């Protein structure tokens, strides 16, 4: 018996949900107290940008990188506060 059976249940529901392209909230399970944004995406947060690049070389090399920029200012000279 697991110490935290709810995590097993959530994992099983999530696995099933993703295989059928449904979300946990489609099953009545909501995580957190905040409402989702219009697109239910990180980019719903004002000022946040997301970029992605995939590199394909030949038949066997597939790699990529995703960058999440918390705001449009200079991250090297200006820190970002979480509050």
PDB file of N, CA and C in Angstrom:
ATOM      1  N   UNK A   1       0.852  -1.184   0.000  1.00  0.00           N
ATOM      2  CA  UNK A   1       0.000   0.000   0.000  1.00  0.00           C
ATOM      3  C   UNK A   1       0.888   1.234   0.000  1.00  0.00           C
ATOM      4  N   UNK A   2       0.560   2.199  -0.825  1.00  0.00           N
ATOM      5  CA  UNK A   2       1.378   3.398  -0.921  1.00  0.00           C
ATOM      6  C   UNK A   2       1.049   4.358   0.209  1.00  0.00           C
ATOM      7  N   UNK A   3       2.007   5.200   0.521  1.00  0.00           N
ATOM      8  CA  UNK A   3       1.828   6.171   1.591  1.00  0.00           C
ATOM      9  C   UNK A   3       0.853   7.271   1.166  1.00  0.00           C
ATOM     10  N   UNK A   4       0.859   7.614  -0.111  1.00  0.00           N
ATOM     11  CA  UNK A   4       0.003   8.676  -0.630  1.00  0.00           C
ATOM     12  C   UNK A   4      -0.831   8.135  -1.803  1.00  0.00           C
ATOM     13  N   UNK A   5      -1.909   7.428  -1.531  1.00  0.00           N
ATOM     14  CA  UNK A   5      -2.686   6.808  -2.615  1.00  0.00           C
ATOM     15  C   UNK A   5      -3.300   7.816  -3.577  1.00  0.00           C
ATOM     16  N   UNK A   6      -3.520   9.059  -3.133  1.00  0.00           N
ATOM     17  CA  UNK A   6      -4.123  10.050  -4.028  1.00  0.00           C
ATOM     18  C   UNK A   6      -3.232  10.321  -5.232  1.00  0.00           C
ATOM     19  N   UNK A   7      -1.901  10.259  -5.054  1.00  0.00           N
ATOM     20  CA  UNK A   7      -1.002  10.505  -6.177  1.00  0.00           C
ATOM     21  C   UNK A   7      -1.121   9.405  -7.225  1.00  0.00           C
ATOM     22  N   UNK A   8      -1.311   8.183  -6.778  1.00  0.00           N
ATOM     23  CA  UNK A   8      -1.521   7.087  -7.719  1.00  0.00           C
ATOM     24  C   UNK A   8      -2.800   7.278  -8.512  1.00  0.00           C
ATOM     25  N   UNK A   9      -3.848   7.710  -7.824  1.00  0.00           N
ATOM     26  CA  UNK A   9      -5.119   7.973  -8.491  1.00  0.00           C
ATOM     27  C   UNK A   9      -4.973   9.110  -9.494  1.00  0.00           C
ATOM     28  N   UNK A  10      -4.314  10.197  -9.076  1.00  0.00           N
ATOM     29  CA  UNK A  10      -4.114  11.328  -9.984  1.00  0.00           C
ATOM     30  C   UNK A  10      -3.294  10.927 -11.196  1.00  0.00           C
ATOM     31  N   UNK A  11      -2.256  10.112 -10.977  1.00  0.00           N
ATOM     32  CA  UNK A  11      -1.423   9.654 -12.093  1.00  0.00           C
ATOM     33  C   UNK A  11      -2.250   8.813 -13.060  1.00  0.00           C
ATOM     34  N   UNK A  12      -3.048   7.908 -12.531  1.00  0.00           N
ATOM     35  CA  UNK A  12      -3.872   7.052 -13.388  1.00  0.00           C
ATOM     36  C   UNK A  12      -4.878   7.883 -14.177  1.00  0.00           C
ATOM     37  N   UNK A  13      -5.507   8.835 -13.513  1.00  0.00           N
ATOM     38  CA  UNK A  13      -6.454   9.697 -14.219  1.00  0.00           C
ATOM     39  C   UNK A  13      -5.756  10.553 -15.261  1.00  0.00           C
ATOM     40  N   UNK A  14      -4.577  11.063 -14.915  1.00  0.00           N
ATOM     41  CA  UNK A  14      -3.834  11.898 -15.862  1.00  0.00           C
ATOM     42  C   UNK A  14      -3.405  11.080 -17.069  1.00  0.00           C
ATOM     43  N   UNK A  15      -2.911   9.874 -16.852  1.00  0.00           N
ATOM     44  CA  UNK A  15      -2.480   9.025 -17.963  1.00  0.00           C
ATOM     45  C   UNK A  15      -3.650   8.733 -18.887  1.00  0.00           C
ATOM     46  N   UNK A  16      -4.784   8.409 -18.309  1.00  0.00           N
ATOM     47  CA  UNK A  16      -5.972   8.142 -19.111  1.00  0.00           C
ATOM     48  C   UNK A  16      -6.448   9.414 -19.807  1.00  0.00           C
ATOM     49  N   UNK A  17      -6.394  10.515 -19.100  1.00  0.00           N
ATOM     50  CA  UNK A  17      -6.852  11.778 -19.674  1.00  0.00           C
ATOM     51  C   UNK A  17      -6.001  12.174 -20.870  1.00  0.00           C
ATOM     52  N   UNK A  18      -4.681  12.048 -20.746  1.00  0.00           N
ATOM     53  CA  UNK A  18      -3.817  12.446 -21.839  1.00  0.00           C
ATOM     54  C   UNK A  18      -3.946  11.504 -23.030  1.00  0.00           C
ATOM     55  N   UNK A  19      -4.227  10.240 -22.773  1.00  0.00           N
ATOM     56  CA  UNK A  19      -4.390   9.322 -23.887  1.00  0.00           C
ATOM     57  C   UNK A  19      -5.669   9.624 -24.663  1.00  0.00           C
ATOM     58  N   UNK A  20      -6.614  10.285 -24.017  1.00  0.00           N
ATOM     59  CA  UNK A  20      -7.866  10.646 -24.676  1.00  0.00           C
ATOM     60  C   UNK A  20      -7.966  12.154 -24.882  1.00  0.00           C
ATOM     61  N   UNK A  21      -6.869  12.854 -24.712  1.00  0.00           N
ATOM     62  CA  UNK A  21      -6.776  14.313 -24.838  1.00  0.00           C
ATOM     63  C   UNK A  21      -7.804  15.042 -23.976  1.00  0.00           C
ATOM     64  N   UNK A  22      -8.040  14.539 -22.780  1.00  0.00           N
ATOM     65  CA  UNK A  22      -8.870  15.225 -21.808  1.00  0.00           C
ATOM     66  C   UNK A  22      -7.973  15.725 -20.679  1.00  0.00           C
ATOM     67  N   UNK A  23      -8.452  16.721 -19.966  1.00  0.00           N
ATOM     68  CA  UNK A  23      -7.716  17.272 -18.838  1.00  0.00           C
ATOM     69  C   UNK A  23      -8.301  16.746 -17.530  1.00  0.00           C
ATOM     70  N   UNK A  24      -7.506  16.835 -16.454  1.00  0.00           N
ATOM     71  CA  UNK A  24      -8.008  16.400 -15.159  1.00  0.00           C
ATOM     72  C   UNK A  24      -9.283  17.144 -14.784  1.00  0.00           C
ATOM     73  N   UNK A  25      -9.358  18.425 -15.130  1.00  0.00           N
ATOM     74  CA  UNK A  25     -10.563  19.191 -14.776  1.00  0.00           C
ATOM     75  C   UNK A  25     -11.788  18.668 -15.511  1.00  0.00           C
ATOM     76  N   UNK A  26     -11.578  17.951 -16.626  1.00  0.00           N
ATOM     77  CA  UNK A  26     -12.707  17.323 -17.311  1.00  0.00           C
ATOM     78  C   UNK A  26     -13.336  16.231 -16.460  1.00  0.00           C
ATOM     79  N   UNK A  27     -12.553  15.731 -15.488  1.00  0.00           N
ATOM     80  CA  UNK A  27     -13.048  14.715 -14.567  1.00  0.00           C
ATOM     81  C   UNK A  27     -13.454  15.314 -13.223  1.00  0.00           C
ATOM     82  N   UNK A  28     -13.506  16.651 -13.156  1.00  0.00           N
ATOM     83  CA  UNK A  28     -13.907  17.317 -11.923  1.00  0.00           C
ATOM     84  C   UNK A  28     -12.773  17.541 -10.937  1.00  0.00           C
ATOM     85  N   UNK A  29     -11.526  17.307 -11.355  1.00  0.00           N
ATOM     86  CA  UNK A  29     -10.371  17.498 -10.473  1.00  0.00           C
ATOM     87  C   UNK A  29      -9.695  18.812 -10.842  1.00  0.00           C
ATOM     88  N   UNK A  30      -9.617  19.727  -9.878  1.00  0.00           N
ATOM     89  CA  UNK A  30      -8.960  21.008 -10.108  1.00  0.00           C
ATOM     90  C   UNK A  30      -7.766  21.124  -9.182  1.00  0.00           C
ATOM     91  N   UNK A  31      -6.622  21.505  -9.730  1.00  0.00           N
ATOM     92  CA  UNK A  31      -5.397  21.679  -8.966  1.00  0.00           C
ATOM     93  C   UNK A  31      -5.225  23.176  -8.704  1.00  0.00           C
ATOM     94  N   UNK A  32      -5.006  23.547  -7.450  1.00  0.00           N
ATOM     95  CA  UNK A  32      -4.783  24.948  -7.112  1.00  0.00           C
ATOM     96  C   UNK A  32      -6.089  25.700  -6.939  1.00  0.00           C
ATOM     97  N   UNK A  33      -5.940  27.001  -6.628  1.00  0.00           N
ATOM     98  CA  UNK A  33      -7.114  27.820  -6.349  1.00  0.00           C
ATOM     99  C   UNK A  33      -7.354  28.882  -7.412  1.00  0.00           C
ATOM    100  N   UNK A  34      -6.387  29.093  -8.305  1.00  0.00           N
ATOM    101  CA  UNK A  34      -6.518  30.128  -9.323  1.00  0.00           C
ATOM    102  C   UNK A  34      -7.216  29.591 -10.564  1.00  0.00           C
ATOM    103  N   UNK A  35      -7.943  30.448 -11.222  1.00  0.00           N
ATOM    104  CA  UNK A  35      -8.610  30.079 -12.469  1.00  0.00           C
ATOM    105  C   UNK A  35      -7.590  30.000 -13.598  1.00  0.00           C
ATOM    106  N   UNK A  36      -7.867  29.182 -14.594  1.00  0.00           N
ATOM    107  CA  UNK A  36      -6.993  29.102 -15.758  1.00  0.00           C
ATOM    108  C   UNK A  36      -7.229  30.312 -16.654  1.00  0.00           C
ATOM    109  N   UNK A  37      -6.223  30.608 -17.484  1.00  0.00           N
ATOM    110  CA  UNK A  37      -6.349  31.717 -18.417  1.00  0.00           C
ATOM    111  C   UNK A  37      -7.182  31.332 -19.624  1.00  0.00           C
ATOM    112  N   UNK A  38      -7.311  32.256 -20.542  1.00  0.00           N
ATOM    113  CA  UNK A  38      -8.127  32.042 -21.738  1.00  0.00           C
ATOM    114  C   UNK A  38      -7.631  30.836 -22.533  1.00  0.00           C
ATOM    115  N   UNK A  39      -6.311  30.713 -22.697  1.00  0.00           N
ATOM    116  CA  UNK A  39      -5.735  29.618 -23.482  1.00  0.00           C
ATOM    117  C   UNK A  39      -5.232  28.464 -22.621  1.00  0.00           C
ATOM    118  N   UNK A  40      -5.357  28.587 -21.289  1.00  0.00           N
ATOM    119  CA  UNK A  40      -4.813  27.601 -20.358  1.00  0.00           C
ATOM    120  C   UNK A  40      -3.342  27.351 -20.671  1.00  0.00           C
ATOM    121  N   UNK A  41      -2.592  28.420 -20.805  1.00  0.00           N
ATOM    122  CA  UNK A  41      -1.203  28.354 -21.246  1.00  0.00           C
ATOM    123  C   UNK A  41      -0.350  29.304 -20.427  1.00  0.00           C
ATOM    124  N   UNK A  42       0.939  29.026 -20.372  1.00  0.00           N
ATOM    125  CA  UNK A  42       1.860  29.909 -19.656  1.00  0.00           C
ATOM    126  C   UNK A  42       1.864  31.303 -20.276  1.00  0.00           C
ATOM    127  N   UNK A  43       1.578  31.388 -21.549  1.00  0.00           N
ATOM    128  CA  UNK A  43       1.567  32.689 -22.205  1.00  0.00           C
ATOM    129  C   UNK A  43       0.320  33.506 -21.876  1.00  0.00           C
ATOM    130  N   UNK A  44      -0.615  32.948 -21.108  1.00  0.00           N
ATOM    131  CA  UNK A  44      -1.730  33.740 -20.597  1.00  0.00           C
ATOM    132  C   UNK A  44      -1.249  34.765 -19.575  1.00  0.00           C
ATOM    133  N   UNK A  45      -0.073  34.553 -18.997  1.00  0.00           N
ATOM    134  CA  UNK A  45       0.504  35.475 -18.025  1.00  0.00           C
ATOM    135  C   UNK A  45       1.091  36.661 -18.781  1.00  0.00           C
ATOM    136  N   UNK A  46       0.669  37.845 -18.410  1.00  0.00           N
ATOM    137  CA  UNK A  46       1.105  39.058 -19.096  1.00  0.00           C
ATOM    138  C   UNK A  46       2.628  39.191 -19.088  1.00  0.00           C
ATOM    139  N   UNK A  47       3.219  39.417 -20.269  1.00  0.00           N
ATOM    140  CA  UNK A  47       4.653  39.645 -20.391  1.00  0.00           C
ATOM    141  C   UNK A  47       5.492  38.400 -20.606  1.00  0.00           C
ATOM    142  N   UNK A  48       4.938  37.221 -20.404  1.00  0.00           N
ATOM    143  CA  UNK A  48       5.703  35.980 -20.564  1.00  0.00           C
ATOM    144  C   UNK A  48       5.754  35.600 -22.043  1.00  0.00           C
ATOM    145  N   UNK A  49       6.954  35.239 -22.501  1.00  0.00           N
ATOM    146  CA  UNK A  49       7.147  34.767 -23.874  1.00  0.00           C
ATOM    147  C   UNK A  49       7.752  33.373 -23.846  1.00  0.00           C
ATOM    148  N   UNK A  50       7.395  32.577 -24.830  1.00  0.00           N
ATOM    149  CA  UNK A  50       7.918  31.219 -24.938  1.00  0.00           C
ATOM    150  C   UNK A  50       8.417  31.007 -26.355  1.00  0.00           C
ATOM    151  N   UNK A  51       9.606  30.420 -26.473  1.00  0.00           N
ATOM    152  CA  UNK A  51      10.151  30.105 -27.788  1.00  0.00           C
ATOM    153  C   UNK A  51      10.662  28.679 -27.813  1.00  0.00           C
ATOM    154  N   UNK A  52      10.654  28.074 -28.978  1.00  0.00           N
ATOM    155  CA  UNK A  52      11.114  26.688 -29.108  1.00  0.00           C
ATOM    156  C   UNK A  52      11.801  26.511 -30.457  1.00  0.00           C
ATOM    157  N   UNK A  53      12.887  25.752 -30.450  1.00  0.00           N
ATOM    158  CA  UNK A  53      13.602  25.423 -31.679  1.00  0.00           C
ATOM    159  C   UNK A  53      13.896  23.928 -31.673  1.00  0.00           C
ATOM    160  N   UNK A  54      13.656  23.273 -32.792  1.00  0.00           N
ATOM    161  CA  UNK A  54      14.006  21.863 -32.955  1.00  0.00           C
ATOM    162  C   UNK A  54      15.055  21.749 -34.045  1.00  0.00           C
ATOM    163  N   UNK A  55      16.098  20.985 -33.760  1.00  0.00           N
ATOM    164  CA  UNK A  55      17.173  20.759 -34.723  1.00  0.00           C
ATOM    165  C   UNK A  55      17.088  19.317 -35.207  1.00  0.00           C
ATOM    166  N   UNK A  56      17.009  19.142 -36.516  1.00  0.00           N
ATOM    167  CA  UNK A  56      16.978  17.806 -37.120  1.00  0.00           C
ATOM    168  C   UNK A  56      18.174  17.701 -38.050  1.00  0.00           C
ATOM    169  N   UNK A  57      19.049  16.725 -37.773  1.00  0.00           N
ATOM    170  CA  UNK A  57      20.227  16.478 -38.606  1.00  0.00           C
ATOM    171  C   UNK A  57      20.201  15.020 -39.035  1.00  0.00           C
ATOM    172  N   UNK A  58      20.140  14.810 -40.319  1.00  0.00           N
ATOM    173  CA  UNK A  58      20.154  13.438 -40.824  1.00  0.00           C
ATOM    174  C   UNK A  58      18.928  12.667 -40.385  1.00  0.00           C
ATOM    175  N   UNK A  59      19.120  11.359 -40.246  1.00  0.00           N
ATOM    176  CA  UNK A  59      18.015  10.471 -39.882  1.00  0.00           C
ATOM    177  C   UNK A  59      17.934  10.174 -38.398  1.00  0.00           C
ATOM    178  N   UNK A  60      18.995  10.491 -37.635  1.00  0.00           N
ATOM    179  CA  UNK A  60      19.004  10.030 -36.255  1.00  0.00           C
ATOM    180  C   UNK A  60      19.160  11.123 -35.205  1.00  0.00           C
ATOM    181  N   UNK A  61      19.362  12.348 -35.600  1.00  0.00           N
ATOM    182  CA  UNK A  61      19.559  13.409 -34.605  1.00  0.00           C
ATOM    183  C   UNK A  61      18.321  14.287 -34.533  1.00  0.00           C
ATOM    184  N   UNK A  62      17.738  14.298 -33.353  1.00  0.00           N
ATOM    185  CA  UNK A  62      16.587  15.138 -33.060  1.00  0.00           C
ATOM    186  C   UNK A  62      16.833  15.754 -31.691  1.00  0.00           C
ATOM    187  N   UNK A  63      16.902  17.059 -31.630  1.00  0.00           N
ATOM    188  CA  UNK A  63      17.108  17.733 -30.358  1.00  0.00           C
ATOM    189  C   UNK A  63      16.398  19.066 -30.393  1.00  0.00           C
ATOM    190  N   UNK A  64      16.185  19.643 -29.251  1.00  0.00           N
ATOM    191  CA  UNK A  64      15.488  20.913 -29.219  1.00  0.00           C
ATOM    192  C   UNK A  64      15.694  21.632 -27.904  1.00  0.00           C
ATOM    193  N   UNK A  65      15.251  22.862 -27.882  1.00  0.00           N
ATOM    194  CA  UNK A  65      15.341  23.677 -26.675  1.00  0.00           C
ATOM    195  C   UNK A  65      14.106  24.567 -26.597  1.00  0.00           C
ATOM    196  N   UNK A  66      13.638  24.786 -25.385  1.00  0.00           N
ATOM    197  CA  UNK A  66      12.530  25.693 -25.134  1.00  0.00           C
ATOM    198  C   UNK A  66      13.004  26.767 -24.170  1.00  0.00           C
ATOM    199  N   UNK A  67      12.700  28.017 -24.476  1.00  0.00           N
ATOM    200  CA  UNK A  67      13.066  29.135 -23.606  1.00  0.00           C
ATOM    201  C   UNK A  67      11.795  29.815 -23.114  1.00  0.00           C
ATOM    202  N   UNK A  68      11.747  30.072 -21.812  1.00  0.00           N
ATOM    203  CA  UNK A  68      10.635  30.808 -21.217  1.00  0.00           C
ATOM    204  C   UNK A  68      11.198  32.101 -20.659  1.00  0.00           C
ATOM    205  N   UNK A  69      10.760  33.221 -21.221  1.00  0.00           N
ATOM    206  CA  UNK A  69      11.227  34.530 -20.785  1.00  0.00           C
ATOM    207  C   UNK A  69      10.143  35.169 -19.928  1.00  0.00           C
ATOM    208  N   UNK A  70      10.446  35.454 -18.660  1.00  0.00           N
ATOM    209  CA  UNK A  70       9.415  35.950 -17.748  1.00  0.00           C
ATOM    210  C   UNK A  70       8.956  37.376 -18.027  1.00  0.00           C
ATOM    211  N   UNK A  71       9.753  38.143 -18.746  1.00  0.00           N
ATOM    212  CA  UNK A  71       9.325  39.478 -19.140  1.00  0.00           C
ATOM    213  C   UNK A  71      10.230  39.993 -20.233  1.00  0.00           C
ATOM    214  N   UNK A  72       9.875  41.106 -20.841  1.00  0.00           N
ATOM    215  CA  UNK A  72      10.604  41.575 -22.023  1.00  0.00           C
ATOM    216  C   UNK A  72      11.849  42.397 -21.695  1.00  0.00           C
ATOM    217  N   UNK A  73      12.113  42.650 -20.429  1.00  0.00           N
ATOM    218  CA  UNK A  73      13.297  43.424 -20.040  1.00  0.00           C
ATOM    219  C   UNK A  73      14.577  42.614 -20.162  1.00  0.00           C
ATOM    220  N   UNK A  74      15.684  43.223 -19.795  1.00  0.00           N
ATOM    221  CA  UNK A  74      16.994  42.594 -19.841  1.00  0.00           C
ATOM    222  C   UNK A  74      17.202  41.744 -18.595  1.00  0.00           C
ATOM    223  N   UNK A  75      17.192  40.424 -18.745  1.00  0.00           N
ATOM    224  CA  UNK A  75      17.333  39.522 -17.605  1.00  0.00           C
ATOM    225  C   UNK A  75      18.738  39.548 -17.000  1.00  0.00           C
ATOM    226  N   UNK A  76      19.714  40.015 -17.751  1.00  0.00           N
ATOM    227  CA  UNK A  76      21.091  40.069 -17.251  1.00  0.00           C
ATOM    228  C   UNK A  76      21.285  41.218 -16.272  1.00  0.00           C
ATOM    229  N   UNK A  77      20.581  42.303 -16.470  1.00  0.00           N
ATOM    230  CA  UNK A  77      20.792  43.477 -15.622  1.00  0.00           C
ATOM    231  C   UNK A  77      19.635  43.746 -14.665  1.00  0.00           C
ATOM    232  N   UNK A  78      18.456  43.208 -14.931  1.00  0.00           N
ATOM    233  CA  UNK A  78      17.279  43.445 -14.080  1.00  0.00           C
ATOM    234  C   UNK A  78      16.725  42.118 -13.602  1.00  0.00           C
ATOM    235  N   UNK A  79      16.620  41.967 -12.285  1.00  0.00           N
ATOM    236  CA  UNK A  79      16.073  40.733 -11.742  1.00  0.00           C
ATOM    237  C   UNK A  79      14.554  40.760 -11.823  1.00  0.00           C
ATOM    238  N   UNK A  80      13.971  39.578 -11.738  1.00  0.00           N
ATOM    239  CA  UNK A  80      12.519  39.442 -11.807  1.00  0.00           C
ATOM    240  C   UNK A  80      12.035  38.973 -10.449  1.00  0.00           C
ATOM    241  N   UNK A  81      11.043  39.655  -9.918  1.00  0.00           N
ATOM    242  CA  UNK A  81      10.469  39.296  -8.631  1.00  0.00           C
ATOM    243  C   UNK A  81       9.270  38.380  -8.851  1.00  0.00           C
ATOM    244  N   UNK A  82       9.059  37.467  -7.911  1.00  0.00           N
ATOM    245  CA  UNK A  82       7.930  36.562  -8.040  1.00  0.00           C
ATOM    246  C   UNK A  82       6.673  37.085  -7.370  1.00  0.00           C
ATOM    247  N   UNK A  83       6.723  38.251  -6.785  1.00  0.00           N
ATOM    248  CA  UNK A  83       5.529  38.756  -6.103  1.00  0.00           C
ATOM    249  C   UNK A  83       4.825  39.811  -6.860  1.00  0.00           C
TER     250      UNK A  83
END
